[in-house]
N, C-alpha and C. Protein backbone atom coordinates (compact mmCIF):
# COMPACT_ATOMS: atom_id res chain seq x y z
N UNK A 1 5.98 7.29 -37.59
CA UNK A 1 4.58 6.88 -37.75
C UNK A 1 4.08 5.68 -38.68
N UNK A 2 5.13 5.27 -39.32
CA UNK A 2 5.04 3.89 -39.84
C UNK A 2 4.59 2.92 -39.21
N UNK A 3 5.20 2.79 -37.84
CA UNK A 3 4.81 1.39 -37.16
C UNK A 3 3.44 1.50 -36.86
N UNK A 4 2.62 2.68 -36.89
CA UNK A 4 1.41 2.78 -36.33
C UNK A 4 0.16 2.72 -37.46
N UNK A 5 0.96 2.96 -38.77
CA UNK A 5 -0.09 2.71 -39.96
C UNK A 5 -0.79 1.21 -40.23
N UNK A 6 -0.03 0.08 -39.71
CA UNK A 6 -0.62 -1.22 -40.01
C UNK A 6 -1.60 -1.68 -38.97
N UNK A 7 -1.42 -1.51 -37.48
CA UNK A 7 -2.55 -1.83 -36.72
C UNK A 7 -2.26 -1.06 -35.41
N UNK A 8 -3.09 -1.35 -34.34
CA UNK A 8 -2.88 -0.71 -33.24
C UNK A 8 -1.56 -1.41 -32.54
N UNK A 9 -0.90 -0.59 -31.81
CA UNK A 9 0.34 -0.99 -30.96
C UNK A 9 0.38 -0.64 -29.70
N UNK A 10 1.09 -1.53 -28.90
CA UNK A 10 1.44 -1.15 -27.43
C UNK A 10 2.51 -0.24 -27.44
N UNK A 11 2.75 0.39 -26.48
CA UNK A 11 3.80 1.26 -26.17
C UNK A 11 5.09 0.76 -26.39
N UNK A 12 5.41 -0.61 -25.58
CA UNK A 12 6.54 -1.34 -25.74
C UNK A 12 6.79 -1.79 -27.08
N UNK A 13 5.84 -2.10 -27.90
CA UNK A 13 6.15 -2.50 -29.42
C UNK A 13 6.66 -1.39 -30.22
N UNK A 14 6.27 0.07 -29.86
CA UNK A 14 6.54 1.32 -30.68
C UNK A 14 8.07 1.50 -30.26
N UNK A 15 8.41 1.32 -29.00
CA UNK A 15 9.79 1.43 -28.49
C UNK A 15 10.68 0.55 -29.03
N UNK A 16 10.28 -0.79 -29.22
CA UNK A 16 11.21 -1.68 -29.84
C UNK A 16 11.30 -1.60 -31.35
N UNK A 17 10.29 -0.99 -32.02
CA UNK A 17 10.31 -0.70 -33.46
C UNK A 17 11.27 0.55 -33.43
N UNK A 18 11.41 1.62 -32.71
CA UNK A 18 12.23 2.70 -32.78
C UNK A 18 13.53 2.50 -32.38
N UNK A 19 13.77 1.47 -31.58
CA UNK A 19 15.08 1.18 -30.72
C UNK A 19 15.18 2.14 -29.50
N UNK A 20 14.14 2.38 -28.98
CA UNK A 20 14.37 3.30 -27.65
C UNK A 20 14.04 2.24 -26.51
N UNK A 21 14.92 2.42 -25.47
CA UNK A 21 14.81 1.40 -24.14
C UNK A 21 14.30 2.15 -22.98
N UNK A 22 14.44 3.43 -22.89
CA UNK A 22 13.93 4.26 -21.79
C UNK A 22 12.48 4.81 -21.93
N UNK A 23 11.69 4.22 -21.26
CA UNK A 23 10.36 4.50 -21.56
C UNK A 23 9.80 5.83 -21.09
N UNK A 24 10.58 6.51 -20.28
CA UNK A 24 10.26 8.10 -19.87
C UNK A 24 10.56 8.81 -21.02
N UNK A 25 11.71 8.61 -21.62
CA UNK A 25 12.30 9.62 -22.79
C UNK A 25 11.21 9.10 -23.97
N UNK A 26 10.97 7.98 -24.08
CA UNK A 26 9.85 7.54 -25.11
C UNK A 26 8.51 8.57 -25.11
N UNK A 27 7.95 8.46 -23.81
CA UNK A 27 6.77 9.13 -23.58
C UNK A 27 7.03 10.68 -23.81
N UNK A 28 8.16 11.29 -23.24
CA UNK A 28 8.08 12.79 -23.40
C UNK A 28 8.54 13.08 -24.77
N UNK A 29 9.52 12.47 -25.40
CA UNK A 29 10.05 12.98 -26.70
C UNK A 29 9.16 12.42 -27.75
N UNK A 30 8.58 11.34 -27.72
CA UNK A 30 7.71 10.96 -28.84
C UNK A 30 6.14 10.70 -28.64
N UNK A 31 5.79 9.97 -27.65
CA UNK A 31 4.28 9.77 -27.64
C UNK A 31 3.33 10.90 -27.08
N UNK A 32 3.88 11.65 -26.17
CA UNK A 32 3.11 12.61 -25.77
C UNK A 32 3.01 13.82 -26.80
N UNK A 33 4.04 14.36 -27.64
CA UNK A 33 3.92 15.06 -28.49
C UNK A 33 2.86 14.57 -29.83
N UNK A 34 3.12 13.17 -30.06
CA UNK A 34 2.15 12.82 -31.05
C UNK A 34 0.65 12.86 -30.61
N UNK A 35 0.44 12.50 -29.33
CA UNK A 35 -1.04 12.62 -28.76
C UNK A 35 -1.41 13.89 -28.66
N UNK A 36 -0.55 14.98 -28.22
CA UNK A 36 -0.89 16.30 -28.44
C UNK A 36 -1.14 16.89 -29.61
N UNK A 37 -0.71 16.55 -30.51
CA UNK A 37 -0.92 16.88 -31.99
C UNK A 37 -2.03 16.25 -32.62
N UNK A 38 -2.61 15.25 -31.99
CA UNK A 38 -3.63 14.37 -32.64
C UNK A 38 -3.24 13.64 -33.58
N UNK A 39 -2.04 13.18 -33.87
CA UNK A 39 -1.75 12.33 -34.88
C UNK A 39 -1.69 10.80 -34.54
N UNK A 40 -1.85 10.56 -33.29
CA UNK A 40 -2.22 9.25 -32.54
C UNK A 40 -3.13 9.19 -31.40
N UNK A 41 -3.97 8.25 -31.50
CA UNK A 41 -4.95 8.27 -30.30
C UNK A 41 -4.87 6.84 -29.47
N UNK A 42 -5.25 7.02 -28.26
CA UNK A 42 -5.53 5.79 -27.41
C UNK A 42 -6.68 5.21 -27.53
N UNK A 43 -6.69 3.77 -27.36
CA UNK A 43 -7.48 2.76 -27.80
C UNK A 43 -8.54 2.99 -26.38
N UNK A 44 -8.08 3.37 -25.20
CA UNK A 44 -8.74 3.36 -23.76
C UNK A 44 -8.35 4.78 -23.41
N UNK A 45 -8.97 5.79 -23.93
CA UNK A 45 -8.49 7.14 -23.49
C UNK A 45 -8.89 7.40 -22.01
N UNK A 46 -9.95 6.78 -21.29
CA UNK A 46 -10.21 7.11 -19.86
C UNK A 46 -9.25 6.30 -18.90
N UNK A 47 -8.15 5.25 -19.61
CA UNK A 47 -6.96 4.65 -18.56
C UNK A 47 -6.00 4.80 -19.43
N UNK A 48 -5.27 5.87 -19.37
CA UNK A 48 -4.06 6.17 -20.08
C UNK A 48 -2.97 5.29 -19.77
N UNK A 49 -3.02 4.55 -18.36
CA UNK A 49 -2.07 3.75 -18.04
C UNK A 49 -2.10 2.34 -18.02
N UNK A 50 -3.37 2.11 -18.64
CA UNK A 50 -3.98 0.67 -18.63
C UNK A 50 -2.87 -0.23 -19.38
N UNK A 51 -2.70 -1.49 -18.90
CA UNK A 51 -1.82 -2.60 -19.39
C UNK A 51 -2.42 -2.86 -20.76
N UNK A 52 -3.72 -2.67 -20.90
CA UNK A 52 -4.18 -3.01 -22.30
C UNK A 52 -4.09 -1.78 -23.36
N UNK A 53 -3.65 -0.87 -22.96
CA UNK A 53 -3.75 0.37 -23.86
C UNK A 53 -2.87 0.15 -25.03
N UNK A 54 -3.37 0.63 -26.14
CA UNK A 54 -2.85 0.62 -27.47
C UNK A 54 -2.99 1.83 -27.87
N UNK A 55 -2.25 2.13 -29.26
CA UNK A 55 -2.36 3.49 -29.99
C UNK A 55 -2.38 3.15 -31.44
N UNK A 56 -3.00 4.21 -31.96
CA UNK A 56 -3.26 4.07 -33.55
C UNK A 56 -3.16 5.33 -34.00
N UNK A 57 -2.91 5.50 -35.53
CA UNK A 57 -2.75 6.78 -36.09
C UNK A 57 -4.11 7.20 -36.39
N UNK A 58 -4.35 8.43 -36.59
CA UNK A 58 -5.57 9.00 -36.66
C UNK A 58 -5.60 9.64 -38.03
């Protein structure tokens, strides 16, 4: 969550910060659980796969 406290971040930026290279693993093990728990949110919730999608802490 520390990487989300500063600003809105792209999925690839968060992966780089955490040292994770496999996108599927990142989504299933980190991103989706945080979204489900309401700890982070999408900037474009209607388009979850948008190239402009970013995430921020709630």
